[in-house]
Amino acid sequence: GDAMGWYRQSPGKQRIPIATITGG
């Protein structure tokens, strides 16, 4: 049931979520 996501961190920038998927 956990929603999971992919995050990315570009040089000099903060890590941000870019794609998410729910348990469903």
PDBML (XML) file of the C-alpha atoms, coordinates in Angstrom:
<?xml version="1.0" encoding="UTF-8" ?>
<PDBx:datablock datablockName="MODEL"
   xmlns:PDBx="http://pdbml.pdb.org/schema/pdbx-v50.xsd"
   xmlns:xsi="http://www.w3.org/2001/XMLSchema-instance"
   xsi:schemaLocation="http://pdbml.pdb.org/schema/pdbx-v50.xsd pdbx-v50.xsd">
   <PDBx:atom_siteCategory>
      <PDBx:atom_site id="1">
         <PDBx:B_iso_or_equiv>0.00</PDBx:B_iso_or_equiv>
         <PDBx:Cartn_x>0.000</PDBx:Cartn_x>
         <PDBx:Cartn_y>0.000</PDBx:Cartn_y>
         <PDBx:Cartn_z>0.000</PDBx:Cartn_z>
         <PDBx:auth_asym_id>A</PDBx:auth_asym_id>
         <PDBx:auth_atom_id>CA</PDBx:auth_atom_id>
         <PDBx:auth_comp_id>GLY</PDBx:auth_comp_id>
         <PDBx:auth_seq_id>1</PDBx:auth_seq_id>
         <PDBx:group_PDB>ATOM</PDBx:group_PDB>
         <PDBx:label_alt_id xsi:nil="true" />
         <PDBx:label_asym_id>A</PDBx:label_asym_id>
         <PDBx:label_atom_id>CA</PDBx:label_atom_id>
         <PDBx:label_comp_id>GLY</PDBx:label_comp_id>
         <PDBx:label_entity_id>1</PDBx:label_entity_id>
         <PDBx:label_seq_id>1</PDBx:label_seq_id>
         <PDBx:occupancy>1.00</PDBx:occupancy>
         <PDBx:pdbx_PDB_model_num>1</PDBx:pdbx_PDB_model_num>
         <PDBx:type_symbol>C</PDBx:type_symbol>
      </PDBx:atom_site>
      <PDBx:atom_site id="2">
         <PDBx:B_iso_or_equiv>0.00</PDBx:B_iso_or_equiv>
         <PDBx:Cartn_x>3.028</PDBx:Cartn_x>
         <PDBx:Cartn_y>2.305</PDBx:Cartn_y>
         <PDBx:Cartn_z>0.208</PDBx:Cartn_z>
         <PDBx:auth_asym_id>A</PDBx:auth_asym_id>
         <PDBx:auth_atom_id>CA</PDBx:auth_atom_id>
         <PDBx:auth_comp_id>ASP</PDBx:auth_comp_id>
         <PDBx:auth_seq_id>2</PDBx:auth_seq_id>
         <PDBx:group_PDB>ATOM</PDBx:group_PDB>
         <PDBx:label_alt_id xsi:nil="true" />
         <PDBx:label_asym_id>A</PDBx:label_asym_id>
         <PDBx:label_atom_id>CA</PDBx:label_atom_id>
         <PDBx:label_comp_id>ASP</PDBx:label_comp_id>
         <PDBx:label_entity_id>1</PDBx:label_entity_id>
         <PDBx:label_seq_id>2</PDBx:label_seq_id>
         <PDBx:occupancy>1.00</PDBx:occupancy>
         <PDBx:pdbx_PDB_model_num>1</PDBx:pdbx_PDB_model_num>
         <PDBx:type_symbol>C</PDBx:type_symbol>
      </PDBx:atom_site>
      <PDBx:atom_site id="3">
         <PDBx:B_iso_or_equiv>0.00</PDBx:B_iso_or_equiv>
         <PDBx:Cartn_x>3.226</PDBx:Cartn_x>
         <PDBx:Cartn_y>4.963</PDBx:Cartn_y>
         <PDBx:Cartn_z>-2.432</PDBx:Cartn_z>
         <PDBx:auth_asym_id>A</PDBx:auth_asym_id>
         <PDBx:auth_atom_id>CA</PDBx:auth_atom_id>
         <PDBx:auth_comp_id>ALA</PDBx:auth_comp_id>
         <PDBx:auth_seq_id>3</PDBx:auth_seq_id>
         <PDBx:group_PDB>ATOM</PDBx:group_PDB>
         <PDBx:label_alt_id xsi:nil="true" />
         <PDBx:label_asym_id>A</PDBx:label_asym_id>
         <PDBx:label_atom_id>CA</PDBx:label_atom_id>
         <PDBx:label_comp_id>ALA</PDBx:label_comp_id>
         <PDBx:label_entity_id>1</PDBx:label_entity_id>
         <PDBx:label_seq_id>3</PDBx:label_seq_id>
         <PDBx:occupancy>1.00</PDBx:occupancy>
         <PDBx:pdbx_PDB_model_num>1</PDBx:pdbx_PDB_model_num>
         <PDBx:type_symbol>C</PDBx:type_symbol>
      </PDBx:atom_site>
      <PDBx:atom_site id="4">
         <PDBx:B_iso_or_equiv>0.00</PDBx:B_iso_or_equiv>
         <PDBx:Cartn_x>6.748</PDBx:Cartn_x>
         <PDBx:Cartn_y>4.868</PDBx:Cartn_y>
         <PDBx:Cartn_z>-3.878</PDBx:Cartn_z>
         <PDBx:auth_asym_id>A</PDBx:auth_asym_id>
         <PDBx:auth_atom_id>CA</PDBx:auth_atom_id>
         <PDBx:auth_comp_id>MET</PDBx:auth_comp_id>
         <PDBx:auth_seq_id>4</PDBx:auth_seq_id>
         <PDBx:group_PDB>ATOM</PDBx:group_PDB>
         <PDBx:label_alt_id xsi:nil="true" />
         <PDBx:label_asym_id>A</PDBx:label_asym_id>
         <PDBx:label_atom_id>CA</PDBx:label_atom_id>
         <PDBx:label_comp_id>MET</PDBx:label_comp_id>
         <PDBx:label_entity_id>1</PDBx:label_entity_id>
         <PDBx:label_seq_id>4</PDBx:label_seq_id>
         <PDBx:occupancy>1.00</PDBx:occupancy>
         <PDBx:pdbx_PDB_model_num>1</PDBx:pdbx_PDB_model_num>
         <PDBx:type_symbol>C</PDBx:type_symbol>
      </PDBx:atom_site>
      <PDBx:atom_site id="5">
         <PDBx:B_iso_or_equiv>0.00</PDBx:B_iso_or_equiv>
         <PDBx:Cartn_x>8.618</PDBx:Cartn_x>
         <PDBx:Cartn_y>7.414</PDBx:Cartn_y>
         <PDBx:Cartn_z>-5.905</PDBx:Cartn_z>
         <PDBx:auth_asym_id>A</PDBx:auth_asym_id>
         <PDBx:auth_atom_id>CA</PDBx:auth_atom_id>
         <PDBx:auth_comp_id>GLY</PDBx:auth_comp_id>
         <PDBx:auth_seq_id>5</PDBx:auth_seq_id>
         <PDBx:group_PDB>ATOM</PDBx:group_PDB>
         <PDBx:label_alt_id xsi:nil="true" />
         <PDBx:label_asym_id>A</PDBx:label_asym_id>
         <PDBx:label_atom_id>CA</PDBx:label_atom_id>
         <PDBx:label_comp_id>GLY</PDBx:label_comp_id>
         <PDBx:label_entity_id>1</PDBx:label_entity_id>
         <PDBx:label_seq_id>5</PDBx:label_seq_id>
         <PDBx:occupancy>1.00</PDBx:occupancy>
         <PDBx:pdbx_PDB_model_num>1</PDBx:pdbx_PDB_model_num>
         <PDBx:type_symbol>C</PDBx:type_symbol>
      </PDBx:atom_site>
      <PDBx:atom_site id="6">
         <PDBx:B_iso_or_equiv>0.00</PDBx:B_iso_or_equiv>
         <PDBx:Cartn_x>11.689</PDBx:Cartn_x>
         <PDBx:Cartn_y>8.120</PDBx:Cartn_y>
         <PDBx:Cartn_z>-7.935</PDBx:Cartn_z>
         <PDBx:auth_asym_id>A</PDBx:auth_asym_id>
         <PDBx:auth_atom_id>CA</PDBx:auth_atom_id>
         <PDBx:auth_comp_id>TRP</PDBx:auth_comp_id>
         <PDBx:auth_seq_id>6</PDBx:auth_seq_id>
         <PDBx:group_PDB>ATOM</PDBx:group_PDB>
         <PDBx:label_alt_id xsi:nil="true" />
         <PDBx:label_asym_id>A</PDBx:label_asym_id>
         <PDBx:label_atom_id>CA</PDBx:label_atom_id>
         <PDBx:label_comp_id>TRP</PDBx:label_comp_id>
         <PDBx:label_entity_id>1</PDBx:label_entity_id>
         <PDBx:label_seq_id>6</PDBx:label_seq_id>
         <PDBx:occupancy>1.00</PDBx:occupancy>
         <PDBx:pdbx_PDB_model_num>1</PDBx:pdbx_PDB_model_num>
         <PDBx:type_symbol>C</PDBx:type_symbol>
      </PDBx:atom_site>
      <PDBx:atom_site id="7">
         <PDBx:B_iso_or_equiv>0.00</PDBx:B_iso_or_equiv>
         <PDBx:Cartn_x>13.675</PDBx:Cartn_x>
         <PDBx:Cartn_y>11.196</PDBx:Cartn_y>
         <PDBx:Cartn_z>-7.028</PDBx:Cartn_z>
         <PDBx:auth_asym_id>A</PDBx:auth_asym_id>
         <PDBx:auth_atom_id>CA</PDBx:auth_atom_id>
         <PDBx:auth_comp_id>TYR</PDBx:auth_comp_id>
         <PDBx:auth_seq_id>7</PDBx:auth_seq_id>
         <PDBx:group_PDB>ATOM</PDBx:group_PDB>
         <PDBx:label_alt_id xsi:nil="true" />
         <PDBx:label_asym_id>A</PDBx:label_asym_id>
         <PDBx:label_atom_id>CA</PDBx:label_atom_id>
         <PDBx:label_comp_id>TYR</PDBx:label_comp_id>
         <PDBx:label_entity_id>1</PDBx:label_entity_id>
         <PDBx:label_seq_id>7</PDBx:label_seq_id>
         <PDBx:occupancy>1.00</PDBx:occupancy>
         <PDBx:pdbx_PDB_model_num>1</PDBx:pdbx_PDB_model_num>
         <PDBx:type_symbol>C</PDBx:type_symbol>
      </PDBx:atom_site>
      <PDBx:atom_site id="8">
         <PDBx:B_iso_or_equiv>0.00</PDBx:B_iso_or_equiv>
         <PDBx:Cartn_x>16.622</PDBx:Cartn_x>
         <PDBx:Cartn_y>12.857</PDBx:Cartn_y>
         <PDBx:Cartn_z>-8.684</PDBx:Cartn_z>
         <PDBx:auth_asym_id>A</PDBx:auth_asym_id>
         <PDBx:auth_atom_id>CA</PDBx:auth_atom_id>
         <PDBx:auth_comp_id>ARG</PDBx:auth_comp_id>
         <PDBx:auth_seq_id>8</PDBx:auth_seq_id>
         <PDBx:group_PDB>ATOM</PDBx:group_PDB>
         <PDBx:label_alt_id xsi:nil="true" />
         <PDBx:label_asym_id>A</PDBx:label_asym_id>
         <PDBx:label_atom_id>CA</PDBx:label_atom_id>
         <PDBx:label_comp_id>ARG</PDBx:label_comp_id>
         <PDBx:label_entity_id>1</PDBx:label_entity_id>
         <PDBx:label_seq_id>8</PDBx:label_seq_id>
         <PDBx:occupancy>1.00</PDBx:occupancy>
         <PDBx:pdbx_PDB_model_num>1</PDBx:pdbx_PDB_model_num>
         <PDBx:type_symbol>C</PDBx:type_symbol>
      </PDBx:atom_site>
      <PDBx:atom_site id="9">
         <PDBx:B_iso_or_equiv>0.00</PDBx:B_iso_or_equiv>
         <PDBx:Cartn_x>19.330</PDBx:Cartn_x>
         <PDBx:Cartn_y>15.245</PDBx:Cartn_y>
         <PDBx:Cartn_z>-7.625</PDBx:Cartn_z>
         <PDBx:auth_asym_id>A</PDBx:auth_asym_id>
         <PDBx:auth_atom_id>CA</PDBx:auth_atom_id>
         <PDBx:auth_comp_id>GLN</PDBx:auth_comp_id>
         <PDBx:auth_seq_id>9</PDBx:auth_seq_id>
         <PDBx:group_PDB>ATOM</PDBx:group_PDB>
         <PDBx:label_alt_id xsi:nil="true" />
         <PDBx:label_asym_id>A</PDBx:label_asym_id>
         <PDBx:label_atom_id>CA</PDBx:label_atom_id>
         <PDBx:label_comp_id>GLN</PDBx:label_comp_id>
         <PDBx:label_entity_id>1</PDBx:label_entity_id>
         <PDBx:label_seq_id>9</PDBx:label_seq_id>
         <PDBx:occupancy>1.00</PDBx:occupancy>
         <PDBx:pdbx_PDB_model_num>1</PDBx:pdbx_PDB_model_num>
         <PDBx:type_symbol>C</PDBx:type_symbol>
      </PDBx:atom_site>
      <PDBx:atom_site id="10">
         <PDBx:B_iso_or_equiv>0.00</PDBx:B_iso_or_equiv>
         <PDBx:Cartn_x>21.129</PDBx:Cartn_x>
         <PDBx:Cartn_y>17.294</PDBx:Cartn_y>
         <PDBx:Cartn_z>-10.249</PDBx:Cartn_z>
         <PDBx:auth_asym_id>A</PDBx:auth_asym_id>
         <PDBx:auth_atom_id>CA</PDBx:auth_atom_id>
         <PDBx:auth_comp_id>SER</PDBx:auth_comp_id>
         <PDBx:auth_seq_id>10</PDBx:auth_seq_id>
         <PDBx:group_PDB>ATOM</PDBx:group_PDB>
         <PDBx:label_alt_id xsi:nil="true" />
         <PDBx:label_asym_id>A</PDBx:label_asym_id>
         <PDBx:label_atom_id>CA</PDBx:label_atom_id>
         <PDBx:label_comp_id>SER</PDBx:label_comp_id>
         <PDBx:label_entity_id>1</PDBx:label_entity_id>
         <PDBx:label_seq_id>10</PDBx:label_seq_id>
         <PDBx:occupancy>1.00</PDBx:occupancy>
         <PDBx:pdbx_PDB_model_num>1</PDBx:pdbx_PDB_model_num>
         <PDBx:type_symbol>C</PDBx:type_symbol>
      </PDBx:atom_site>
      <PDBx:atom_site id="11">
         <PDBx:B_iso_or_equiv>0.00</PDBx:B_iso_or_equiv>
         <PDBx:Cartn_x>24.502</PDBx:Cartn_x>
         <PDBx:Cartn_y>18.894</PDBx:Cartn_y>
         <PDBx:Cartn_z>-9.481</PDBx:Cartn_z>
         <PDBx:auth_asym_id>A</PDBx:auth_asym_id>
         <PDBx:auth_atom_id>CA</PDBx:auth_atom_id>
         <PDBx:auth_comp_id>PRO</PDBx:auth_comp_id>
         <PDBx:auth_seq_id>11</PDBx:auth_seq_id>
         <PDBx:group_PDB>ATOM</PDBx:group_PDB>
         <PDBx:label_alt_id xsi:nil="true" />
         <PDBx:label_asym_id>A</PDBx:label_asym_id>
         <PDBx:label_atom_id>CA</PDBx:label_atom_id>
         <PDBx:label_comp_id>PRO</PDBx:label_comp_id>
         <PDBx:label_entity_id>1</PDBx:label_entity_id>
         <PDBx:label_seq_id>11</PDBx:label_seq_id>
         <PDBx:occupancy>1.00</PDBx:occupancy>
         <PDBx:pdbx_PDB_model_num>1</PDBx:pdbx_PDB_model_num>
         <PDBx:type_symbol>C</PDBx:type_symbol>
      </PDBx:atom_site>
      <PDBx:atom_site id="12">
         <PDBx:B_iso_or_equiv>0.00</PDBx:B_iso_or_equiv>
         <PDBx:Cartn_x>24.067</PDBx:Cartn_x>
         <PDBx:Cartn_y>21.843</PDBx:Cartn_y>
         <PDBx:Cartn_z>-7.142</PDBx:Cartn_z>
         <PDBx:auth_asym_id>A</PDBx:auth_asym_id>
         <PDBx:auth_atom_id>CA</PDBx:auth_atom_id>
         <PDBx:auth_comp_id>GLY</PDBx:auth_comp_id>
         <PDBx:auth_seq_id>12</PDBx:auth_seq_id>
         <PDBx:group_PDB>ATOM</PDBx:group_PDB>
         <PDBx:label_alt_id xsi:nil="true" />
         <PDBx:label_asym_id>A</PDBx:label_asym_id>
         <PDBx:label_atom_id>CA</PDBx:label_atom_id>
         <PDBx:label_comp_id>GLY</PDBx:label_comp_id>
         <PDBx:label_entity_id>1</PDBx:label_entity_id>
         <PDBx:label_seq_id>12</PDBx:label_seq_id>
         <PDBx:occupancy>1.00</PDBx:occupancy>
         <PDBx:pdbx_PDB_model_num>1</PDBx:pdbx_PDB_model_num>
         <PDBx:type_symbol>C</PDBx:type_symbol>
      </PDBx:atom_site>
      <PDBx:atom_site id="13">
         <PDBx:B_iso_or_equiv>0.00</PDBx:B_iso_or_equiv>
         <PDBx:Cartn_x>20.343</PDBx:Cartn_x>
         <PDBx:Cartn_y>21.261</PDBx:Cartn_y>
         <PDBx:Cartn_z>-6.723</PDBx:Cartn_z>
         <PDBx:auth_asym_id>A</PDBx:auth_asym_id>
         <PDBx:auth_atom_id>CA</PDBx:auth_atom_id>
         <PDBx:auth_comp_id>LYS</PDBx:auth_comp_id>
         <PDBx:auth_seq_id>13</PDBx:auth_seq_id>
         <PDBx:group_PDB>ATOM</PDBx:group_PDB>
         <PDBx:label_alt_id xsi:nil="true" />
         <PDBx:label_asym_id>A</PDBx:label_asym_id>
         <PDBx:label_atom_id>CA</PDBx:label_atom_id>
         <PDBx:label_comp_id>LYS</PDBx:label_comp_id>
         <PDBx:label_entity_id>1</PDBx:label_entity_id>
         <PDBx:label_seq_id>13</PDBx:label_seq_id>
         <PDBx:occupancy>1.00</PDBx:occupancy>
         <PDBx:pdbx_PDB_model_num>1</PDBx:pdbx_PDB_model_num>
         <PDBx:type_symbol>C</PDBx:type_symbol>
      </PDBx:atom_site>
      <PDBx:atom_site id="14">
         <PDBx:B_iso_or_equiv>0.00</PDBx:B_iso_or_equiv>
         <PDBx:Cartn_x>18.054</PDBx:Cartn_x>
         <PDBx:Cartn_y>19.674</PDBx:Cartn_y>
         <PDBx:Cartn_z>-4.160</PDBx:Cartn_z>
         <PDBx:auth_asym_id>A</PDBx:auth_asym_id>
         <PDBx:auth_atom_id>CA</PDBx:auth_atom_id>
         <PDBx:auth_comp_id>GLN</PDBx:auth_comp_id>
         <PDBx:auth_seq_id>14</PDBx:auth_seq_id>
         <PDBx:group_PDB>ATOM</PDBx:group_PDB>
         <PDBx:label_alt_id xsi:nil="true" />
         <PDBx:label_asym_id>A</PDBx:label_asym_id>
         <PDBx:label_atom_id>CA</PDBx:label_atom_id>
         <PDBx:label_comp_id>GLN</PDBx:label_comp_id>
         <PDBx:label_entity_id>1</PDBx:label_entity_id>
         <PDBx:label_seq_id>14</PDBx:label_seq_id>
         <PDBx:occupancy>1.00</PDBx:occupancy>
         <PDBx:pdbx_PDB_model_num>1</PDBx:pdbx_PDB_model_num>
         <PDBx:type_symbol>C</PDBx:type_symbol>
      </PDBx:atom_site>
      <PDBx:atom_site id="15">
         <PDBx:B_iso_or_equiv>0.00</PDBx:B_iso_or_equiv>
         <PDBx:Cartn_x>16.697</PDBx:Cartn_x>
         <PDBx:Cartn_y>16.169</PDBx:Cartn_y>
         <PDBx:Cartn_z>-4.515</PDBx:Cartn_z>
         <PDBx:auth_asym_id>A</PDBx:auth_asym_id>
         <PDBx:auth_atom_id>CA</PDBx:auth_atom_id>
         <PDBx:auth_comp_id>ARG</PDBx:auth_comp_id>
         <PDBx:auth_seq_id>15</PDBx:auth_seq_id>
         <PDBx:group_PDB>ATOM</PDBx:group_PDB>
         <PDBx:label_alt_id xsi:nil="true" />
         <PDBx:label_asym_id>A</PDBx:label_asym_id>
         <PDBx:label_atom_id>CA</PDBx:label_atom_id>
         <PDBx:label_comp_id>ARG</PDBx:label_comp_id>
         <PDBx:label_entity_id>1</PDBx:label_entity_id>
         <PDBx:label_seq_id>15</PDBx:label_seq_id>
         <PDBx:occupancy>1.00</PDBx:occupancy>
         <PDBx:pdbx_PDB_model_num>1</PDBx:pdbx_PDB_model_num>
         <PDBx:type_symbol>C</PDBx:type_symbol>
      </PDBx:atom_site>
      <PDBx:atom_site id="16">
         <PDBx:B_iso_or_equiv>0.00</PDBx:B_iso_or_equiv>
         <PDBx:Cartn_x>13.163</PDBx:Cartn_x>
         <PDBx:Cartn_y>16.280</PDBx:Cartn_y>
         <PDBx:Cartn_z>-5.914</PDBx:Cartn_z>
         <PDBx:auth_asym_id>A</PDBx:auth_asym_id>
         <PDBx:auth_atom_id>CA</PDBx:auth_atom_id>
         <PDBx:auth_comp_id>ILE</PDBx:auth_comp_id>
         <PDBx:auth_seq_id>16</PDBx:auth_seq_id>
         <PDBx:group_PDB>ATOM</PDBx:group_PDB>
         <PDBx:label_alt_id xsi:nil="true" />
         <PDBx:label_asym_id>A</PDBx:label_asym_id>
         <PDBx:label_atom_id>CA</PDBx:label_atom_id>
         <PDBx:label_comp_id>ILE</PDBx:label_comp_id>
         <PDBx:label_entity_id>1</PDBx:label_entity_id>
         <PDBx:label_seq_id>16</PDBx:label_seq_id>
         <PDBx:occupancy>1.00</PDBx:occupancy>
         <PDBx:pdbx_PDB_model_num>1</PDBx:pdbx_PDB_model_num>
         <PDBx:type_symbol>C</PDBx:type_symbol>
      </PDBx:atom_site>
      <PDBx:atom_site id="17">
         <PDBx:B_iso_or_equiv>0.00</PDBx:B_iso_or_equiv>
         <PDBx:Cartn_x>10.463</PDBx:Cartn_x>
         <PDBx:Cartn_y>13.699</PDBx:Cartn_y>
         <PDBx:Cartn_z>-6.630</PDBx:Cartn_z>
         <PDBx:auth_asym_id>A</PDBx:auth_asym_id>
         <PDBx:auth_atom_id>CA</PDBx:auth_atom_id>
         <PDBx:auth_comp_id>PRO</PDBx:auth_comp_id>
         <PDBx:auth_seq_id>17</PDBx:auth_seq_id>
         <PDBx:group_PDB>ATOM</PDBx:group_PDB>
         <PDBx:label_alt_id xsi:nil="true" />
         <PDBx:label_asym_id>A</PDBx:label_asym_id>
         <PDBx:label_atom_id>CA</PDBx:label_atom_id>
         <PDBx:label_comp_id>PRO</PDBx:label_comp_id>
         <PDBx:label_entity_id>1</PDBx:label_entity_id>
         <PDBx:label_seq_id>17</PDBx:label_seq_id>
         <PDBx:occupancy>1.00</PDBx:occupancy>
         <PDBx:pdbx_PDB_model_num>1</PDBx:pdbx_PDB_model_num>
         <PDBx:type_symbol>C</PDBx:type_symbol>
      </PDBx:atom_site>
      <PDBx:atom_site id="18">
         <PDBx:B_iso_or_equiv>0.00</PDBx:B_iso_or_equiv>
         <PDBx:Cartn_x>9.896</PDBx:Cartn_x>
         <PDBx:Cartn_y>13.152</PDBx:Cartn_y>
         <PDBx:Cartn_z>-10.345</PDBx:Cartn_z>
         <PDBx:auth_asym_id>A</PDBx:auth_asym_id>
         <PDBx:auth_atom_id>CA</PDBx:auth_atom_id>
         <PDBx:auth_comp_id>ILE</PDBx:auth_comp_id>
         <PDBx:auth_seq_id>18</PDBx:auth_seq_id>
         <PDBx:group_PDB>ATOM</PDBx:group_PDB>
         <PDBx:label_alt_id xsi:nil="true" />
         <PDBx:label_asym_id>A</PDBx:label_asym_id>
         <PDBx:label_atom_id>CA</PDBx:label_atom_id>
         <PDBx:label_comp_id>ILE</PDBx:label_comp_id>
         <PDBx:label_entity_id>1</PDBx:label_entity_id>
         <PDBx:label_seq_id>18</PDBx:label_seq_id>
         <PDBx:occupancy>1.00</PDBx:occupancy>
         <PDBx:pdbx_PDB_model_num>1</PDBx:pdbx_PDB_model_num>
         <PDBx:type_symbol>C</PDBx:type_symbol>
      </PDBx:atom_site>
      <PDBx:atom_site id="19">
         <PDBx:B_iso_or_equiv>0.00</PDBx:B_iso_or_equiv>
         <PDBx:Cartn_x>7.563</PDBx:Cartn_x>
         <PDBx:Cartn_y>10.148</PDBx:Cartn_y>
         <PDBx:Cartn_z>-10.536</PDBx:Cartn_z>
         <PDBx:auth_asym_id>A</PDBx:auth_asym_id>
         <PDBx:auth_atom_id>CA</PDBx:auth_atom_id>
         <PDBx:auth_comp_id>ALA</PDBx:auth_comp_id>
         <PDBx:auth_seq_id>19</PDBx:auth_seq_id>
         <PDBx:group_PDB>ATOM</PDBx:group_PDB>
         <PDBx:label_alt_id xsi:nil="true" />
         <PDBx:label_asym_id>A</PDBx:label_asym_id>
         <PDBx:label_atom_id>CA</PDBx:label_atom_id>
         <PDBx:label_comp_id>ALA</PDBx:label_comp_id>
         <PDBx:label_entity_id>1</PDBx:label_entity_id>
         <PDBx:label_seq_id>19</PDBx:label_seq_id>
         <PDBx:occupancy>1.00</PDBx:occupancy>
         <PDBx:pdbx_PDB_model_num>1</PDBx:pdbx_PDB_model_num>
         <PDBx:type_symbol>C</PDBx:type_symbol>
      </PDBx:atom_site>
      <PDBx:atom_site id="20">
         <PDBx:B_iso_or_equiv>0.00</PDBx:B_iso_or_equiv>
         <PDBx:Cartn_x>5.274</PDBx:Cartn_x>
         <PDBx:Cartn_y>8.449</PDBx:Cartn_y>
         <PDBx:Cartn_z>-8.048</PDBx:Cartn_z>
         <PDBx:auth_asym_id>A</PDBx:auth_asym_id>
         <PDBx:auth_atom_id>CA</PDBx:auth_atom_id>
         <PDBx:auth_comp_id>THR</PDBx:auth_comp_id>
         <PDBx:auth_seq_id>20</PDBx:auth_seq_id>
         <PDBx:group_PDB>ATOM</PDBx:group_PDB>
         <PDBx:label_alt_id xsi:nil="true" />
         <PDBx:label_asym_id>A</PDBx:label_asym_id>
         <PDBx:label_atom_id>CA</PDBx:label_atom_id>
         <PDBx:label_comp_id>THR</PDBx:label_comp_id>
         <PDBx:label_entity_id>1</PDBx:label_entity_id>
         <PDBx:label_seq_id>20</PDBx:label_seq_id>
         <PDBx:occupancy>1.00</PDBx:occupancy>
         <PDBx:pdbx_PDB_model_num>1</PDBx:pdbx_PDB_model_num>
         <PDBx:type_symbol>C</PDBx:type_symbol>
      </PDBx:atom_site>
      <PDBx:atom_site id="21">
         <PDBx:B_iso_or_equiv>0.00</PDBx:B_iso_or_equiv>
         <PDBx:Cartn_x>3.151</PDBx:Cartn_x>
         <PDBx:Cartn_y>5.314</PDBx:Cartn_y>
         <PDBx:Cartn_z>-7.951</PDBx:Cartn_z>
         <PDBx:auth_asym_id>A</PDBx:auth_asym_id>
         <PDBx:auth_atom_id>CA</PDBx:auth_atom_id>
         <PDBx:auth_comp_id>ILE</PDBx:auth_comp_id>
         <PDBx:auth_seq_id>21</PDBx:auth_seq_id>
         <PDBx:group_PDB>ATOM</PDBx:group_PDB>
         <PDBx:label_alt_id xsi:nil="true" />
         <PDBx:label_asym_id>A</PDBx:label_asym_id>
         <PDBx:label_atom_id>CA</PDBx:label_atom_id>
         <PDBx:label_comp_id>ILE</PDBx:label_comp_id>
         <PDBx:label_entity_id>1</PDBx:label_entity_id>
         <PDBx:label_seq_id>21</PDBx:label_seq_id>
         <PDBx:occupancy>1.00</PDBx:occupancy>
         <PDBx:pdbx_PDB_model_num>1</PDBx:pdbx_PDB_model_num>
         <PDBx:type_symbol>C</PDBx:type_symbol>
      </PDBx:atom_site>
      <PDBx:atom_site id="22">
         <PDBx:B_iso_or_equiv>0.00</PDBx:B_iso_or_equiv>
         <PDBx:Cartn_x>0.514</PDBx:Cartn_x>
         <PDBx:Cartn_y>4.423</PDBx:Cartn_y>
         <PDBx:Cartn_z>-5.401</PDBx:Cartn_z>
         <PDBx:auth_asym_id>A</PDBx:auth_asym_id>
         <PDBx:auth_atom_id>CA</PDBx:auth_atom_id>
         <PDBx:auth_comp_id>THR</PDBx:auth_comp_id>
         <PDBx:auth_seq_id>22</PDBx:auth_seq_id>
         <PDBx:group_PDB>ATOM</PDBx:group_PDB>
         <PDBx:label_alt_id xsi:nil="true" />
         <PDBx:label_asym_id>A</PDBx:label_asym_id>
         <PDBx:label_atom_id>CA</PDBx:label_atom_id>
         <PDBx:label_comp_id>THR</PDBx:label_comp_id>
         <PDBx:label_entity_id>1</PDBx:label_entity_id>
         <PDBx:label_seq_id>22</PDBx:label_seq_id>
         <PDBx:occupancy>1.00</PDBx:occupancy>
         <PDBx:pdbx_PDB_model_num>1</PDBx:pdbx_PDB_model_num>
         <PDBx:type_symbol>C</PDBx:type_symbol>
      </PDBx:atom_site>
      <PDBx:atom_site id="23">
         <PDBx:B_iso_or_equiv>0.00</PDBx:B_iso_or_equiv>
         <PDBx:Cartn_x>-0.136</PDBx:Cartn_x>
         <PDBx:Cartn_y>0.983</PDBx:Cartn_y>
         <PDBx:Cartn_z>-4.018</PDBx:Cartn_z>
         <PDBx:auth_asym_id>A</PDBx:auth_asym_id>
         <PDBx:auth_atom_id>CA</PDBx:auth_atom_id>
         <PDBx:auth_comp_id>GLY</PDBx:auth_comp_id>
         <PDBx:auth_seq_id>23</PDBx:auth_seq_id>
         <PDBx:group_PDB>ATOM</PDBx:group_PDB>
         <PDBx:label_alt_id xsi:nil="true" />
         <PDBx:label_asym_id>A</PDBx:label_asym_id>
         <PDBx:label_atom_id>CA</PDBx:label_atom_id>
         <PDBx:label_comp_id>GLY</PDBx:label_comp_id>
         <PDBx:label_entity_id>1</PDBx:label_entity_id>
         <PDBx:label_seq_id>23</PDBx:label_seq_id>
         <PDBx:occupancy>1.00</PDBx:occupancy>
         <PDBx:pdbx_PDB_model_num>1</PDBx:pdbx_PDB_model_num>
         <PDBx:type_symbol>C</PDBx:type_symbol>
      </PDBx:atom_site>
      <PDBx:atom_site id="24">
         <PDBx:B_iso_or_equiv>0.00</PDBx:B_iso_or_equiv>
         <PDBx:Cartn_x>-3.013</PDBx:Cartn_x>
         <PDBx:Cartn_y>0.764</PDBx:Cartn_y>
         <PDBx:Cartn_z>-6.455</PDBx:Cartn_z>
         <PDBx:auth_asym_id>A</PDBx:auth_asym_id>
         <PDBx:auth_atom_id>CA</PDBx:auth_atom_id>
         <PDBx:auth_comp_id>GLY</PDBx:auth_comp_id>
         <PDBx:auth_seq_id>24</PDBx:auth_seq_id>
         <PDBx:group_PDB>ATOM</PDBx:group_PDB>
         <PDBx:label_alt_id xsi:nil="true" />
         <PDBx:label_asym_id>A</PDBx:label_asym_id>
         <PDBx:label_atom_id>CA</PDBx:label_atom_id>
         <PDBx:label_comp_id>GLY</PDBx:label_comp_id>
         <PDBx:label_entity_id>1</PDBx:label_entity_id>
         <PDBx:label_seq_id>24</PDBx:label_seq_id>
         <PDBx:occupancy>1.00</PDBx:occupancy>
         <PDBx:pdbx_PDB_model_num>1</PDBx:pdbx_PDB_model_num>
         <PDBx:type_symbol>C</PDBx:type_symbol>
      </PDBx:atom_site>
   </PDBx:atom_siteCategory>
</PDBx:datablock>
